[in-house]
Each structure stands twice: as C-alpha cells, then as structure tokens.
Protein backbone atom coordinates (compact mmCIF):
# COMPACT_ATOMS: atom_id res chain seq x y z
CA MET A 1 123.17 37.34 100.81
CA THR A 2 123.62 34.36 103.13
CA THR A 3 125.32 31.18 102.06
CA GLU A 4 122.01 29.26 101.91
CA GLN A 5 120.45 31.83 99.55
CA GLU A 6 123.48 32.06 97.31
CA VAL A 7 122.92 30.53 93.88
CA ARG A 8 125.77 28.25 92.90
CA SER A 9 126.58 26.27 89.78
CA VAL A 10 127.55 22.65 90.24
CA ARG A 11 128.96 20.42 87.51
CA VAL A 12 127.51 16.87 87.56
CA ARG A 13 127.48 13.83 85.26
CA ILE A 14 124.20 12.11 84.48
CA LEU A 15 124.14 9.17 82.08
CA GLY A 16 127.64 10.07 80.98
CA GLU A 17 126.73 13.65 80.07
CA GLU A 18 127.99 16.69 81.91
CA HIS A 19 125.36 19.10 83.24
CA ILE A 20 125.60 22.34 85.16
CA ILE A 21 122.96 22.57 87.86
CA LYS A 22 122.21 25.92 89.45
CA GLY A 23 120.62 26.04 92.87
CA GLN A 24 120.70 27.42 96.37
CA ALA A 25 121.47 24.10 98.03
CA SER A 26 124.97 23.05 98.98
CA GLU A 27 127.25 21.58 96.34
CA GLU A 28 127.26 18.25 98.19
CA TYR A 29 123.45 18.12 98.25
CA ILE A 30 123.14 18.93 94.54
CA LYS A 31 125.74 16.28 93.71
CA SER A 32 123.92 13.71 95.86
CA LEU A 33 120.65 14.46 94.06
CA ALA A 34 122.35 14.13 90.68
CA ALA A 35 123.91 10.83 91.75
CA ALA A 36 120.51 9.51 92.87
CA VAL A 37 118.89 10.58 89.58
CA ASN A 38 121.75 9.00 87.64
CA GLU A 39 121.34 5.72 89.54
CA ARG A 40 117.57 5.67 88.84
CA LEU A 41 118.19 6.33 85.16
CA LEU A 42 120.82 3.59 84.98
CA GLU A 43 118.46 1.10 86.68
CA VAL A 44 115.71 1.76 84.13
CA GLN A 45 118.21 1.75 81.28
CA ARG A 46 119.62 -1.64 82.39
CA SER A 47 116.10 -3.07 82.58
CA ASN A 48 115.15 -1.63 79.17
CA PRO A 49 118.36 -1.42 77.11
CA LEU A 50 116.56 -0.65 73.83
CA LEU A 51 114.57 2.25 75.27
CA PRO A 52 115.70 5.69 74.04
CA ARG A 53 117.16 8.01 76.69
CA HIS A 54 114.22 10.40 76.63
CA ARG A 55 111.82 7.53 77.36
CA VAL A 56 114.07 6.34 80.18
CA ALA A 57 113.92 9.87 81.62
CA ILE A 58 110.11 9.93 81.30
CA LEU A 59 109.79 6.58 83.10
CA VAL A 60 112.05 7.75 85.90
CA ALA A 61 110.11 11.01 86.22
CA LEU A 62 106.82 9.10 86.42
CA ASN A 63 108.24 6.70 89.01
CA LEU A 64 109.56 9.57 91.14
CA LEU A 65 106.26 11.45 90.93
CA ASN A 66 104.40 8.29 91.91
CA GLU A 67 106.64 7.93 94.98
CA LEU A 68 106.10 11.60 95.86
CA GLU A 69 102.32 11.30 95.58
CA LYS A 70 102.32 8.21 97.82
CA LEU A 71 104.43 10.06 100.40
CA LYS A 72 102.09 13.06 100.27
CA THR A 73 99.12 10.80 100.92
CA GLU A 74 100.89 9.08 103.82
CA HIS A 75 101.86 12.48 105.22
CA GLU A 76 98.28 13.75 105.06
CA GLU A 77 97.02 10.56 106.73
CA LEU A 78 99.57 10.92 109.54
CA LEU A 79 98.63 14.57 110.05
CA ALA A 80 94.96 13.59 110.24
CA LEU A 81 95.76 10.90 112.81
CA MET A 82 97.74 13.37 114.89
CA GLU A 83 94.86 15.85 114.84
CA GLU A 84 92.42 13.15 115.92
CA ALA A 85 94.70 12.13 118.79
CA GLN A 86 94.71 15.65 120.23
C-alpha cells in the first residue's frame, strides 16, 4: 500500500470538540480542512449566537454546497468555452 492510499486517523478540534477523522489524505491536509470547517462554523455561530449547533452545521453545509454548485457551473462553462475555441 502506498502512502497516498494508506488510511490514517487524524485528531482535530471542531467547535471545541475533538474528532477523529479517517482518510487517505495527508495529516496536514485533513487538519487544514478541519480548520477551514471550524472557521466557517465559528463565523456562522458568531453571526447567529442563539442558533443551536446542529443548525449552524446545516447552514454551513448549505453554504458550502452552494459554493460547490457555483464552481461546478463555472467549470462547465469554461470547458464549453475551451471546446468552442478549438
């Protein structure tokens, strides 16, 4: 098994809670993702201090999915433009 395919467990803190994330990515990458998720959660929590944690998580998930869908659309449009240019 190569290093990239090796499943590793990485301990991270998100909203003050410890989580163990298992994945094939590097420890640094997993930690950077967890830090980015934590920052998004904290931003929403600061904006909505009375919102329960699970609702904060749902809002962040919806925001992230919205960003992903926009990027997918932009990607498809760029691919179409590149095909037209050829």
